[in-house]
Amino acid sequence: MWRDHQRGAVAAETRRNRGGPKVVEVAGVTFANGGDNLGVYVPVFAAVGANRMIVYATVFLILVGAWCAAGWFFATRPVIAKALSRWGHILLPLVLITVGLLILVRGGAFGW
């Protein structure tokens, strides 16, 4: 009897967790990861006028929408989604390191 009860509890827990991340969880992670952006955006917004700030915000929102649409597009393609789920933990750090190095090199950080 105890095992039947335990199996039922595990099955119920599995059903509850199937929905994926909730909006509040995603918003919390986004907020926590965005703290370093305050060091960049606050001085920029303080230095520009209201008109430029509106342009920056509009471009930002349009590009966020584009990223979300691209993410949805790729996540709904089974072949791409499977490849990303298998290799994404390796691919993402490589992409981010490459982008960071390109920014440093093109910005002249190494004096080249």
C-alpha atoms as a PDB file:
ATOM      1  CA  MET A   1       0.000   0.000   0.000  1.00  0.00           C
ATOM      2  CA  TRP A   2       2.801   2.426   0.867  1.00  0.00           C
ATOM      3  CA  ARG A   3       4.456   1.845  -2.534  1.00  0.00           C
ATOM      4  CA  ASP A   4       1.203   2.505  -4.373  1.00  0.00           C
ATOM      5  CA  HIS A   5       0.837   5.781  -2.478  1.00  0.00           C
ATOM      6  CA  GLN A   6       4.458   6.694  -3.253  1.00  0.00           C
ATOM      7  CA  ARG A   7       4.022   5.960  -6.968  1.00  0.00           C
ATOM      8  CA  GLY A   8       0.907   8.113  -7.044  1.00  0.00           C
ATOM      9  CA  ALA A   9       2.741  11.019  -5.402  1.00  0.00           C
ATOM     10  CA  VAL A  10       5.635  10.760  -7.879  1.00  0.00           C
ATOM     11  CA  ALA A  11       3.226  10.623 -10.815  1.00  0.00           C
ATOM     12  CA  ALA A  12       1.358  13.689  -9.510  1.00  0.00           C
ATOM     13  CA  GLU A  13       4.618  15.600  -9.046  1.00  0.00           C
ATOM     14  CA  THR A  14       5.683  14.685 -12.590  1.00  0.00           C
ATOM     15  CA  ARG A  15       2.390  15.941 -13.987  1.00  0.00           C
ATOM     16  CA  ARG A  16       2.722  19.232 -12.097  1.00  0.00           C
ATOM     17  CA  ASN A  17       6.270  19.883 -13.344  1.00  0.00           C
ATOM     18  CA  ARG A  18       5.564  19.157 -16.998  1.00  0.00           C
ATOM     19  CA  GLY A  19       4.466  22.715 -17.795  1.00  0.00           C
ATOM     20  CA  GLY A  20       7.974  24.107 -18.075  1.00  0.00           C
ATOM     21  CA  PRO A  21       9.220  27.344 -16.528  1.00  0.00           C
ATOM     22  CA  LYS A  22       6.644  29.854 -15.365  1.00  0.00           C
ATOM     23  CA  VAL A  23       6.621  33.530 -16.326  1.00  0.00           C
ATOM     24  CA  VAL A  24       7.667  34.632 -12.833  1.00  0.00           C
ATOM     25  CA  GLU A  25      10.642  32.220 -12.868  1.00  0.00           C
ATOM     26  CA  VAL A  26      11.833  33.460 -16.258  1.00  0.00           C
ATOM     27  CA  ALA A  27      11.352  37.096 -15.198  1.00  0.00           C
ATOM     28  CA  GLY A  28      13.319  36.460 -12.001  1.00  0.00           C
ATOM     29  CA  VAL A  29      16.261  34.927 -13.835  1.00  0.00           C
ATOM     30  CA  THR A  30      16.190  37.722 -16.411  1.00  0.00           C
ATOM     31  CA  PHE A  31      16.173  40.349 -13.661  1.00  0.00           C
ATOM     32  CA  ALA A  32      19.013  38.649 -11.784  1.00  0.00           C
ATOM     33  CA  ASN A  33      21.150  38.358 -14.910  1.00  0.00           C
ATOM     34  CA  GLY A  34      20.494  41.947 -15.985  1.00  0.00           C
ATOM     35  CA  GLY A  35      22.139  43.696 -13.047  1.00  0.00           C
ATOM     36  CA  ASP A  36      25.385  44.318 -14.902  1.00  0.00           C
ATOM     37  CA  ASN A  37      23.446  46.112 -17.631  1.00  0.00           C
ATOM     38  CA  LEU A  38      22.568  48.859 -15.164  1.00  0.00           C
ATOM     39  CA  GLY A  39      26.217  49.902 -15.170  1.00  0.00           C
ATOM     40  CA  VAL A  40      25.983  50.482 -18.916  1.00  0.00           C
ATOM     41  CA  TYR A  41      22.486  51.809 -19.487  1.00  0.00           C
ATOM     42  CA  VAL A  42      22.165  54.256 -16.578  1.00  0.00           C
ATOM     43  CA  PRO A  43      25.095  56.439 -17.728  1.00  0.00           C
ATOM     44  CA  VAL A  44      23.918  56.281 -21.347  1.00  0.00           C
ATOM     45  CA  PHE A  45      20.370  57.318 -20.474  1.00  0.00           C
ATOM     46  CA  ALA A  46      21.676  60.041 -18.167  1.00  0.00           C
ATOM     47  CA  ALA A  47      23.801  61.503 -20.976  1.00  0.00           C
ATOM     48  CA  VAL A  48      21.177  61.568 -23.736  1.00  0.00           C
ATOM     49  CA  GLY A  49      17.971  63.537 -24.004  1.00  0.00           C
ATOM     50  CA  ALA A  50      14.415  62.242 -23.838  1.00  0.00           C
ATOM     51  CA  ASN A  51      14.111  61.926 -27.633  1.00  0.00           C
ATOM     52  CA  ARG A  52      17.135  59.643 -27.926  1.00  0.00           C
ATOM     53  CA  MET A  53      16.009  57.628 -24.928  1.00  0.00           C
ATOM     54  CA  ILE A  54      12.684  56.969 -26.673  1.00  0.00           C
ATOM     55  CA  VAL A  55      14.532  55.871 -29.815  1.00  0.00           C
ATOM     56  CA  TYR A  56      16.814  53.566 -27.779  1.00  0.00           C
ATOM     57  CA  ALA A  57      13.858  52.026 -25.955  1.00  0.00           C
ATOM     58  CA  THR A  58      11.909  51.525 -29.189  1.00  0.00           C
ATOM     59  CA  VAL A  59      14.837  49.861 -30.959  1.00  0.00           C
ATOM     60  CA  PHE A  60      15.472  47.717 -27.884  1.00  0.00           C
ATOM     61  CA  LEU A  61      11.854  46.509 -27.762  1.00  0.00           C
ATOM     62  CA  ILE A  62      11.786  45.774 -31.493  1.00  0.00           C
ATOM     63  CA  LEU A  63      15.002  43.753 -31.255  1.00  0.00           C
ATOM     64  CA  VAL A  64      13.764  41.866 -28.177  1.00  0.00           C
ATOM     65  CA  GLY A  65      10.696  40.931 -30.214  1.00  0.00           C
ATOM     66  CA  ALA A  66      12.942  39.791 -33.046  1.00  0.00           C
ATOM     67  CA  TRP A  67      15.012  37.635 -30.637  1.00  0.00           C
ATOM     68  CA  CYS A  68      11.842  36.100 -29.192  1.00  0.00           C
ATOM     69  CA  ALA A  69      10.498  35.365 -32.670  1.00  0.00           C
ATOM     70  CA  ALA A  70      13.822  33.798 -33.712  1.00  0.00           C
ATOM     71  CA  GLY A  71      13.916  31.732 -30.529  1.00  0.00           C
ATOM     72  CA  TRP A  72      10.370  30.511 -31.079  1.00  0.00           C
ATOM     73  CA  PHE A  73      11.131  29.721 -34.735  1.00  0.00           C
ATOM     74  CA  PHE A  74      14.201  27.638 -33.904  1.00  0.00           C
ATOM     75  CA  ALA A  75      12.638  25.962 -30.868  1.00  0.00           C
ATOM     76  CA  THR A  76       9.705  24.738 -32.950  1.00  0.00           C
ATOM     77  CA  ARG A  77      11.937  23.112 -35.562  1.00  0.00           C
ATOM     78  CA  PRO A  78      12.530  19.551 -34.289  1.00  0.00           C
ATOM     79  CA  VAL A  79      15.929  19.063 -35.921  1.00  0.00           C
ATOM     80  CA  ILE A  80      17.315  22.365 -34.633  1.00  0.00           C
ATOM     81  CA  ALA A  81      15.745  21.960 -31.189  1.00  0.00           C
ATOM     82  CA  LYS A  82      17.233  18.473 -30.838  1.00  0.00           C
ATOM     83  CA  ALA A  83      20.685  19.668 -31.905  1.00  0.00           C
ATOM     84  CA  LEU A  84      20.550  22.631 -29.514  1.00  0.00           C
ATOM     85  CA  SER A  85      19.409  20.472 -26.626  1.00  0.00           C
ATOM     86  CA  ARG A  86      22.287  18.112 -27.298  1.00  0.00           C
ATOM     87  CA  TRP A  87      25.079  20.592 -28.091  1.00  0.00           C
ATOM     88  CA  GLY A  88      23.814  23.910 -26.700  1.00  0.00           C
ATOM     89  CA  HIS A  89      25.765  23.624 -23.444  1.00  0.00           C
ATOM     90  CA  ILE A  90      28.963  23.568 -25.527  1.00  0.00           C
ATOM     91  CA  LEU A  91      27.906  25.901 -28.329  1.00  0.00           C
ATOM     92  CA  LEU A  92      26.663  28.820 -26.211  1.00  0.00           C
ATOM     93  CA  PRO A  93      29.906  29.383 -24.257  1.00  0.00           C
ATOM     94  CA  LEU A  94      31.909  29.191 -27.490  1.00  0.00           C
ATOM     95  CA  VAL A  95      29.675  31.770 -29.162  1.00  0.00           C
ATOM     96  CA  LEU A  96      29.800  34.112 -26.154  1.00  0.00           C
ATOM     97  CA  ILE A  97      33.585  33.823 -25.833  1.00  0.00           C
ATOM     98  CA  THR A  98      33.993  34.482 -29.560  1.00  0.00           C
ATOM     99  CA  VAL A  99      31.750  37.553 -29.412  1.00  0.00           C
ATOM    100  CA  GLY A 100      33.636  38.844 -26.372  1.00  0.00           C
ATOM    101  CA  LEU A 101      37.000  38.377 -28.064  1.00  0.00           C
ATOM    102  CA  LEU A 102      35.784  40.121 -31.219  1.00  0.00           C
ATOM    103  CA  ILE A 103      34.590  43.078 -29.154  1.00  0.00           C
ATOM    104  CA  LEU A 104      37.933  43.294 -27.366  1.00  0.00           C
ATOM    105  CA  VAL A 105      39.993  42.989 -30.561  1.00  0.00           C
ATOM    106  CA  ARG A 106      37.920  45.464 -32.587  1.00  0.00           C
ATOM    107  CA  GLY A 107      37.827  47.864 -29.669  1.00  0.00           C
ATOM    108  CA  GLY A 108      41.625  47.926 -29.536  1.00  0.00           C
ATOM    109  CA  ALA A 109      41.871  46.445 -26.049  1.00  0.00           C
ATOM    110  CA  PHE A 110      45.084  44.613 -26.937  1.00  0.00           C
ATOM    111  CA  GLY A 111      46.779  47.556 -28.652  1.00  0.00           C
ATOM    112  CA  TRP A 112      46.915  45.812 -32.020  1.00  0.00           C
END
